[in-house]
Amino acid sequence: MNFEETTFNLSQSLDLIGMLQCAFILSIVVLKASDLRQAAPTVAFFAALGLGFGLPAAVDPRQFHWDATATWLAQA
């Protein structure tokens, strides 16, 4: 993969921004939480949200059926 020729469209750029924000929030929650049991719902929510943002970039676009189904499940 040649990284100099990598380009993103608007949708991919927004997905990347959303995924990075989720990773930032997850890191803050994990570092600041005094009890991880109380933080578990927050961690699960932002992990699923980050998965919904990151999944379209990770799945092969030729497998559109799997991509659409997995993205819908992660974002739902």
PDB file of N, CA and C in Angstrom:
ATOM      1  N   MET A   1       0.842  -1.177   0.000  1.00  0.00           N
ATOM      2  CA  MET A   1       0.000   0.000   0.000  1.00  0.00           C
ATOM      3  C   MET A   1       0.885   1.237   0.000  1.00  0.00           C
ATOM      4  N   ASN A   2       0.631   2.119  -0.935  1.00  0.00           N
ATOM      5  CA  ASN A   2       1.413   3.331  -1.066  1.00  0.00           C
ATOM      6  C   ASN A   2       0.680   4.464  -0.346  1.00  0.00           C
ATOM      7  N   PHE A   3       1.273   4.962   0.742  1.00  0.00           N
ATOM      8  CA  PHE A   3       0.600   5.964   1.550  1.00  0.00           C
ATOM      9  C   PHE A   3       0.622   7.352   0.924  1.00  0.00           C
ATOM     10  N   GLU A   4       1.510   7.601  -0.030  1.00  0.00           N
ATOM     11  CA  GLU A   4       1.535   8.899  -0.682  1.00  0.00           C
ATOM     12  C   GLU A   4       0.322   9.092  -1.584  1.00  0.00           C
ATOM     13  N   GLU A   5      -0.251   7.999  -2.073  1.00  0.00           N
ATOM     14  CA  GLU A   5      -1.386   8.084  -2.973  1.00  0.00           C
ATOM     15  C   GLU A   5      -2.719   7.862  -2.264  1.00  0.00           C
ATOM     16  N   THR A   6      -2.716   7.796  -0.943  1.00  0.00           N
ATOM     17  CA  THR A   6      -3.938   7.570  -0.192  1.00  0.00           C
ATOM     18  C   THR A   6      -4.748   8.858  -0.139  1.00  0.00           C
ATOM     19  N   THR A   7      -6.005   8.772  -0.566  1.00  0.00           N
ATOM     20  CA  THR A   7      -6.910   9.910  -0.477  1.00  0.00           C
ATOM     21  C   THR A   7      -8.191   9.459   0.207  1.00  0.00           C
ATOM     22  N   PHE A   8      -8.853  10.391   0.851  1.00  0.00           N
ATOM     23  CA  PHE A   8     -10.097  10.116   1.542  1.00  0.00           C
ATOM     24  C   PHE A   8     -11.194  10.999   0.956  1.00  0.00           C
ATOM     25  N   ASN A   9     -12.392  10.437   0.850  1.00  0.00           N
ATOM     26  CA  ASN A   9     -13.519  11.280   0.483  1.00  0.00           C
ATOM     27  C   ASN A   9     -14.094  11.884   1.768  1.00  0.00           C
ATOM     28  N   LEU A  10     -15.136  12.689   1.636  1.00  0.00           N
ATOM     29  CA  LEU A  10     -15.685  13.394   2.799  1.00  0.00           C
ATOM     30  C   LEU A  10     -16.220  12.415   3.836  1.00  0.00           C
ATOM     31  N   SER A  11     -16.917  11.391   3.395  1.00  0.00           N
ATOM     32  CA  SER A  11     -17.485  10.410   4.317  1.00  0.00           C
ATOM     33  C   SER A  11     -16.399   9.682   5.097  1.00  0.00           C
ATOM     34  N   GLN A  12     -15.343   9.277   4.427  1.00  0.00           N
ATOM     35  CA  GLN A  12     -14.244   8.598   5.101  1.00  0.00           C
ATOM     36  C   GLN A  12     -13.532   9.532   6.074  1.00  0.00           C
ATOM     37  N   SER A  13     -13.395  10.788   5.702  1.00  0.00           N
ATOM     38  CA  SER A  13     -12.745  11.751   6.590  1.00  0.00           C
ATOM     39  C   SER A  13     -13.563  11.957   7.860  1.00  0.00           C
ATOM     40  N   LEU A  14     -14.873  12.077   7.711  1.00  0.00           N
ATOM     41  CA  LEU A  14     -15.728  12.251   8.885  1.00  0.00           C
ATOM     42  C   LEU A  14     -15.741  10.998   9.754  1.00  0.00           C
ATOM     43  N   ASP A  15     -15.708   9.813   9.132  1.00  0.00           N
ATOM     44  CA  ASP A  15     -15.614   8.571   9.900  1.00  0.00           C
ATOM     45  C   ASP A  15     -14.316   8.521  10.694  1.00  0.00           C
ATOM     46  N   LEU A  16     -13.227   8.925  10.072  1.00  0.00           N
ATOM     47  CA  LEU A  16     -11.935   8.931  10.759  1.00  0.00           C
ATOM     48  C   LEU A  16     -11.937   9.912  11.928  1.00  0.00           C
ATOM     49  N   ILE A  17     -12.507  11.082  11.729  1.00  0.00           N
ATOM     50  CA  ILE A  17     -12.591  12.070  12.809  1.00  0.00           C
ATOM     51  C   ILE A  17     -13.429  11.533  13.961  1.00  0.00           C
ATOM     52  N   GLY A  18     -14.572  10.913  13.648  1.00  0.00           N
ATOM     53  CA  GLY A  18     -15.428  10.345  14.690  1.00  0.00           C
ATOM     54  C   GLY A  18     -14.743   9.229  15.453  1.00  0.00           C
ATOM     55  N   MET A  19     -14.005   8.374  14.732  1.00  0.00           N
ATOM     56  CA  MET A  19     -13.298   7.275  15.378  1.00  0.00           C
ATOM     57  C   MET A  19     -12.200   7.813  16.302  1.00  0.00           C
ATOM     58  N   LEU A  20     -11.484   8.837  15.867  1.00  0.00           N
ATOM     59  CA  LEU A  20     -10.434   9.419  16.708  1.00  0.00           C
ATOM     60  C   LEU A  20     -11.018  10.086  17.947  1.00  0.00           C
ATOM     61  N   GLN A  21     -12.178  10.729  17.816  1.00  0.00           N
ATOM     62  CA  GLN A  21     -12.829  11.327  18.981  1.00  0.00           C
ATOM     63  C   GLN A  21     -13.254  10.260  19.978  1.00  0.00           C
ATOM     64  N   CYS A  22     -13.778   9.151  19.475  1.00  0.00           N
ATOM     65  CA  CYS A  22     -14.157   8.048  20.369  1.00  0.00           C
ATOM     66  C   CYS A  22     -12.940   7.478  21.082  1.00  0.00           C
ATOM     67  N   ALA A  23     -11.844   7.322  20.374  1.00  0.00           N
ATOM     68  CA  ALA A  23     -10.616   6.814  20.998  1.00  0.00           C
ATOM     69  C   ALA A  23     -10.113   7.787  22.063  1.00  0.00           C
ATOM     70  N   PHE A  24     -10.223   9.082  21.807  1.00  0.00           N
ATOM     71  CA  PHE A  24      -9.809  10.090  22.785  1.00  0.00           C
ATOM     72  C   PHE A  24     -10.684  10.013  24.033  1.00  0.00           C
ATOM     73  N   ILE A  25     -11.993   9.925  23.849  1.00  0.00           N
ATOM     74  CA  ILE A  25     -12.914   9.851  24.988  1.00  0.00           C
ATOM     75  C   ILE A  25     -12.676   8.562  25.776  1.00  0.00           C
ATOM     76  N   LEU A  26     -12.476   7.447  25.070  1.00  0.00           N
ATOM     77  CA  LEU A  26     -12.196   6.182  25.757  1.00  0.00           C
ATOM     78  C   LEU A  26     -10.929   6.272  26.602  1.00  0.00           C
ATOM     79  N   SER A  27      -9.899   6.886  26.058  1.00  0.00           N
ATOM     80  CA  SER A  27      -8.652   6.996  26.821  1.00  0.00           C
ATOM     81  C   SER A  27      -8.838   7.871  28.059  1.00  0.00           C
ATOM     82  N   ILE A  28      -9.595   8.952  27.936  1.00  0.00           N
ATOM     83  CA  ILE A  28      -9.853   9.813  29.095  1.00  0.00           C
ATOM     84  C   ILE A  28     -10.665   9.078  30.147  1.00  0.00           C
ATOM     85  N   VAL A  29     -11.713   8.376  29.728  1.00  0.00           N
ATOM     86  CA  VAL A  29     -12.564   7.654  30.675  1.00  0.00           C
ATOM     87  C   VAL A  29     -11.768   6.576  31.398  1.00  0.00           C
ATOM     88  N   VAL A  30     -10.954   5.819  30.672  1.00  0.00           N
ATOM     89  CA  VAL A  30     -10.187   4.744  31.295  1.00  0.00           C
ATOM     90  C   VAL A  30      -9.131   5.312  32.249  1.00  0.00           C
ATOM     91  N   LEU A  31      -8.499   6.406  31.876  1.00  0.00           N
ATOM     92  CA  LEU A  31      -7.470   6.977  32.745  1.00  0.00           C
ATOM     93  C   LEU A  31      -8.044   7.676  33.974  1.00  0.00           C
ATOM     94  N   LYS A  32      -9.220   8.278  33.859  1.00  0.00           N
ATOM     95  CA  LYS A  32      -9.787   9.047  34.969  1.00  0.00           C
ATOM     96  C   LYS A  32     -10.758   8.256  35.837  1.00  0.00           C
ATOM     97  N   ALA A  33     -11.194   7.088  35.392  1.00  0.00           N
ATOM     98  CA  ALA A  33     -12.187   6.321  36.151  1.00  0.00           C
ATOM     99  C   ALA A  33     -11.548   5.732  37.400  1.00  0.00           C
ATOM    100  N   SER A  34     -12.215   5.935  38.524  1.00  0.00           N
ATOM    101  CA  SER A  34     -11.717   5.341  39.760  1.00  0.00           C
ATOM    102  C   SER A  34     -12.184   3.897  39.877  1.00  0.00           C
ATOM    103  N   ASP A  35     -13.374   3.595  39.356  1.00  0.00           N
ATOM    104  CA  ASP A  35     -13.894   2.234  39.361  1.00  0.00           C
ATOM    105  C   ASP A  35     -14.330   1.885  37.942  1.00  0.00           C
ATOM    106  N   LEU A  36     -13.643   0.924  37.339  1.00  0.00           N
ATOM    107  CA  LEU A  36     -13.950   0.580  35.952  1.00  0.00           C
ATOM    108  C   LEU A  36     -15.317  -0.080  35.802  1.00  0.00           C
ATOM    109  N   ARG A  37     -15.866  -0.641  36.880  1.00  0.00           N
ATOM    110  CA  ARG A  37     -17.217  -1.208  36.789  1.00  0.00           C
ATOM    111  C   ARG A  37     -18.244  -0.117  36.543  1.00  0.00           C
ATOM    112  N   GLN A  38     -18.074   1.019  37.159  1.00  0.00           N
ATOM    113  CA  GLN A  38     -19.004   2.125  36.940  1.00  0.00           C
ATOM    114  C   GLN A  38     -18.806   2.748  35.560  1.00  0.00           C
ATOM    115  N   ALA A  39     -17.616   2.677  35.030  1.00  0.00           N
ATOM    116  CA  ALA A  39     -17.320   3.255  33.721  1.00  0.00           C
ATOM    117  C   ALA A  39     -17.615   2.299  32.582  1.00  0.00           C
ATOM    118  N   ALA A  40     -17.970   1.053  32.874  1.00  0.00           N
ATOM    119  CA  ALA A  40     -18.180   0.040  31.836  1.00  0.00           C
ATOM    120  C   ALA A  40     -19.256   0.431  30.818  1.00  0.00           C
ATOM    121  N   PRO A  41     -20.409   0.969  31.225  1.00  0.00           N
ATOM    122  CA  PRO A  41     -21.395   1.365  30.209  1.00  0.00           C
ATOM    123  C   PRO A  41     -20.882   2.459  29.267  1.00  0.00           C
ATOM    124  N   THR A  42     -20.145   3.397  29.808  1.00  0.00           N
ATOM    125  CA  THR A  42     -19.582   4.460  28.980  1.00  0.00           C
ATOM    126  C   THR A  42     -18.537   3.907  28.022  1.00  0.00           C
ATOM    127  N   VAL A  43     -17.696   3.033  28.518  1.00  0.00           N
ATOM    128  CA  VAL A  43     -16.669   2.416  27.676  1.00  0.00           C
ATOM    129  C   VAL A  43     -17.315   1.581  26.579  1.00  0.00           C
ATOM    130  N   ALA A  44     -18.342   0.812  26.927  1.00  0.00           N
ATOM    131  CA  ALA A  44     -19.019  -0.023  25.928  1.00  0.00           C
ATOM    132  C   ALA A  44     -19.694   0.840  24.865  1.00  0.00           C
ATOM    133  N   PHE A  45     -20.321   1.932  25.277  1.00  0.00           N
ATOM    134  CA  PHE A  45     -20.992   2.816  24.319  1.00  0.00           C
ATOM    135  C   PHE A  45     -20.006   3.426  23.334  1.00  0.00           C
ATOM    136  N   PHE A  46     -18.924   4.001  23.843  1.00  0.00           N
ATOM    137  CA  PHE A  46     -17.978   4.661  22.946  1.00  0.00           C
ATOM    138  C   PHE A  46     -17.151   3.659  22.146  1.00  0.00           C
ATOM    139  N   ALA A  47     -16.956   2.453  22.654  1.00  0.00           N
ATOM    140  CA  ALA A  47     -16.282   1.419  21.870  1.00  0.00           C
ATOM    141  C   ALA A  47     -17.158   0.991  20.696  1.00  0.00           C
ATOM    142  N   ALA A  48     -18.457   0.816  20.946  1.00  0.00           N
ATOM    143  CA  ALA A  48     -19.371   0.454  19.855  1.00  0.00           C
ATOM    144  C   ALA A  48     -19.499   1.596  18.849  1.00  0.00           C
ATOM    145  N   LEU A  49     -19.541   2.812  19.335  1.00  0.00           N
ATOM    146  CA  LEU A  49     -19.625   3.969  18.442  1.00  0.00           C
ATOM    147  C   LEU A  49     -18.360   4.091  17.593  1.00  0.00           C
ATOM    148  N   GLY A  50     -17.213   3.904  18.197  1.00  0.00           N
ATOM    149  CA  GLY A  50     -15.956   3.930  17.449  1.00  0.00           C
ATOM    150  C   GLY A  50     -15.877   2.806  16.432  1.00  0.00           C
ATOM    151  N   LEU A  51     -16.420   1.639  16.786  1.00  0.00           N
ATOM    152  CA  LEU A  51     -16.473   0.528  15.847  1.00  0.00           C
ATOM    153  C   LEU A  51     -17.361   0.885  14.657  1.00  0.00           C
ATOM    154  N   GLY A  52     -18.467   1.560  14.922  1.00  0.00           N
ATOM    155  CA  GLY A  52     -19.348   1.988  13.840  1.00  0.00           C
ATOM    156  C   GLY A  52     -18.686   2.981  12.905  1.00  0.00           C
ATOM    157  N   PHE A  53     -17.833   3.820  13.450  1.00  0.00           N
ATOM    158  CA  PHE A  53     -17.104   4.765  12.603  1.00  0.00           C
ATOM    159  C   PHE A  53     -15.950   4.096  11.871  1.00  0.00           C
ATOM    160  N   GLY A  54     -15.259   3.170  12.524  1.00  0.00           N
ATOM    161  CA  GLY A  54     -14.063   2.579  11.949  1.00  0.00           C
ATOM    162  C   GLY A  54     -14.307   1.399  11.035  1.00  0.00           C
ATOM    163  N   LEU A  55     -15.454   0.761  11.164  1.00  0.00           N
ATOM    164  CA  LEU A  55     -15.722  -0.431  10.378  1.00  0.00           C
ATOM    165  C   LEU A  55     -15.767  -0.194   8.872  1.00  0.00           C
ATOM    166  N   PRO A  56     -16.347   0.884   8.372  1.00  0.00           N
ATOM    167  CA  PRO A  56     -16.337   1.078   6.918  1.00  0.00           C
ATOM    168  C   PRO A  56     -14.930   1.186   6.330  1.00  0.00           C
ATOM    169  N   ALA A  57     -13.988   1.668   7.097  1.00  0.00           N
ATOM    170  CA  ALA A  57     -12.617   1.785   6.597  1.00  0.00           C
ATOM    171  C   ALA A  57     -11.876   0.455   6.672  1.00  0.00           C
ATOM    172  N   ALA A  58     -12.311  -0.440   7.539  1.00  0.00           N
ATOM    173  CA  ALA A  58     -11.585  -1.687   7.750  1.00  0.00           C
ATOM    174  C   ALA A  58     -12.068  -2.833   6.867  1.00  0.00           C
ATOM    175  N   VAL A  59     -13.280  -2.725   6.335  1.00  0.00           N
ATOM    176  CA  VAL A  59     -13.868  -3.824   5.563  1.00  0.00           C
ATOM    177  C   VAL A  59     -13.595  -3.597   4.087  1.00  0.00           C
ATOM    178  N   ASP A  60     -13.359  -4.677   3.372  1.00  0.00           N
ATOM    179  CA  ASP A  60     -13.105  -4.622   1.935  1.00  0.00           C
ATOM    180  C   ASP A  60     -14.344  -4.098   1.200  1.00  0.00           C
ATOM    181  N   PRO A  61     -14.209  -3.030   0.411  1.00  0.00           N
ATOM    182  CA  PRO A  61     -15.379  -2.459  -0.252  1.00  0.00           C
ATOM    183  C   PRO A  61     -16.013  -3.381  -1.295  1.00  0.00           C
ATOM    184  N   ARG A  62     -15.293  -4.400  -1.743  1.00  0.00           N
ATOM    185  CA  ARG A  62     -15.878  -5.338  -2.705  1.00  0.00           C
ATOM    186  C   ARG A  62     -16.909  -6.239  -2.050  1.00  0.00           C
ATOM    187  N   GLN A  63     -16.879  -6.350  -0.743  1.00  0.00           N
ATOM    188  CA  GLN A  63     -17.860  -7.150  -0.020  1.00  0.00           C
ATOM    189  C   GLN A  63     -18.918  -6.212   0.546  1.00  0.00           C
ATOM    190  N   PHE A  64     -19.670  -5.592  -0.333  1.00  0.00           N
ATOM    191  CA  PHE A  64     -20.621  -4.555   0.083  1.00  0.00           C
ATOM    192  C   PHE A  64     -21.691  -5.107   1.016  1.00  0.00           C
ATOM    193  N   HIS A  65     -22.147  -6.323   0.776  1.00  0.00           N
ATOM    194  CA  HIS A  65     -23.185  -6.913   1.621  1.00  0.00           C
ATOM    195  C   HIS A  65     -22.718  -6.974   3.070  1.00  0.00           C
ATOM    196  N   TRP A  66     -21.523  -7.499   3.293  1.00  0.00           N
ATOM    197  CA  TRP A  66     -20.993  -7.605   4.650  1.00  0.00           C
ATOM    198  C   TRP A  66     -20.727  -6.216   5.226  1.00  0.00           C
ATOM    199  N   ASP A  67     -20.205  -5.320   4.413  1.00  0.00           N
ATOM    200  CA  ASP A  67     -19.896  -3.970   4.866  1.00  0.00           C
ATOM    201  C   ASP A  67     -21.160  -3.259   5.334  1.00  0.00           C
ATOM    202  N   ALA A  68     -22.198  -3.299   4.541  1.00  0.00           N
ATOM    203  CA  ALA A  68     -23.445  -2.593   4.892  1.00  0.00           C
ATOM    204  C   ALA A  68     -24.080  -3.200   6.144  1.00  0.00           C
ATOM    205  N   THR A  69     -24.099  -4.513   6.240  1.00  0.00           N
ATOM    206  CA  THR A  69     -24.717  -5.169   7.397  1.00  0.00           C
ATOM    207  C   THR A  69     -23.922  -4.900   8.671  1.00  0.00           C
ATOM    208  N   ALA A  70     -22.615  -5.050   8.606  1.00  0.00           N
ATOM    209  CA  ALA A  70     -21.771  -4.850   9.800  1.00  0.00           C
ATOM    210  C   ALA A  70     -21.796  -3.394  10.246  1.00  0.00           C
ATOM    211  N   THR A  71     -21.772  -2.473   9.306  1.00  0.00           N
ATOM    212  CA  THR A  71     -21.826  -1.053   9.668  1.00  0.00           C
ATOM    213  C   THR A  71     -23.161  -0.714  10.308  1.00  0.00           C
ATOM    214  N   TRP A  72     -24.243  -1.237   9.737  1.00  0.00           N
ATOM    215  CA  TRP A  72     -25.564  -0.958  10.305  1.00  0.00           C
ATOM    216  C   TRP A  72     -25.670  -1.510  11.727  1.00  0.00           C
ATOM    217  N   LEU A  73     -25.184  -2.730  11.958  1.00  0.00           N
ATOM    218  CA  LEU A  73     -25.240  -3.315  13.296  1.00  0.00           C
ATOM    219  C   LEU A  73     -24.409  -2.517  14.293  1.00  0.00           C
ATOM    220  N   ALA A  74     -23.227  -2.085  13.897  1.00  0.00           N
ATOM    221  CA  ALA A  74     -22.368  -1.337  14.800  1.00  0.00           C
ATOM    222  C   ALA A  74     -22.954   0.035  15.113  1.00  0.00           C
ATOM    223  N   GLN A  75     -23.578   0.671  14.123  1.00  0.00           N
ATOM    224  CA  GLN A  75     -24.133   1.998  14.366  1.00  0.00           C
ATOM    225  C   GLN A  75     -25.493   1.949  15.045  1.00  0.00           C
ATOM    226  N   ALA A  76     -26.189   0.815  14.935  1.00  0.00           N
ATOM    227  CA  ALA A  76     -27.494   0.688  15.592  1.00  0.00           C
ATOM    228  C   ALA A  76     -27.297   0.506  17.082  1.00  0.00           C
TER     229      ALA A  76
END
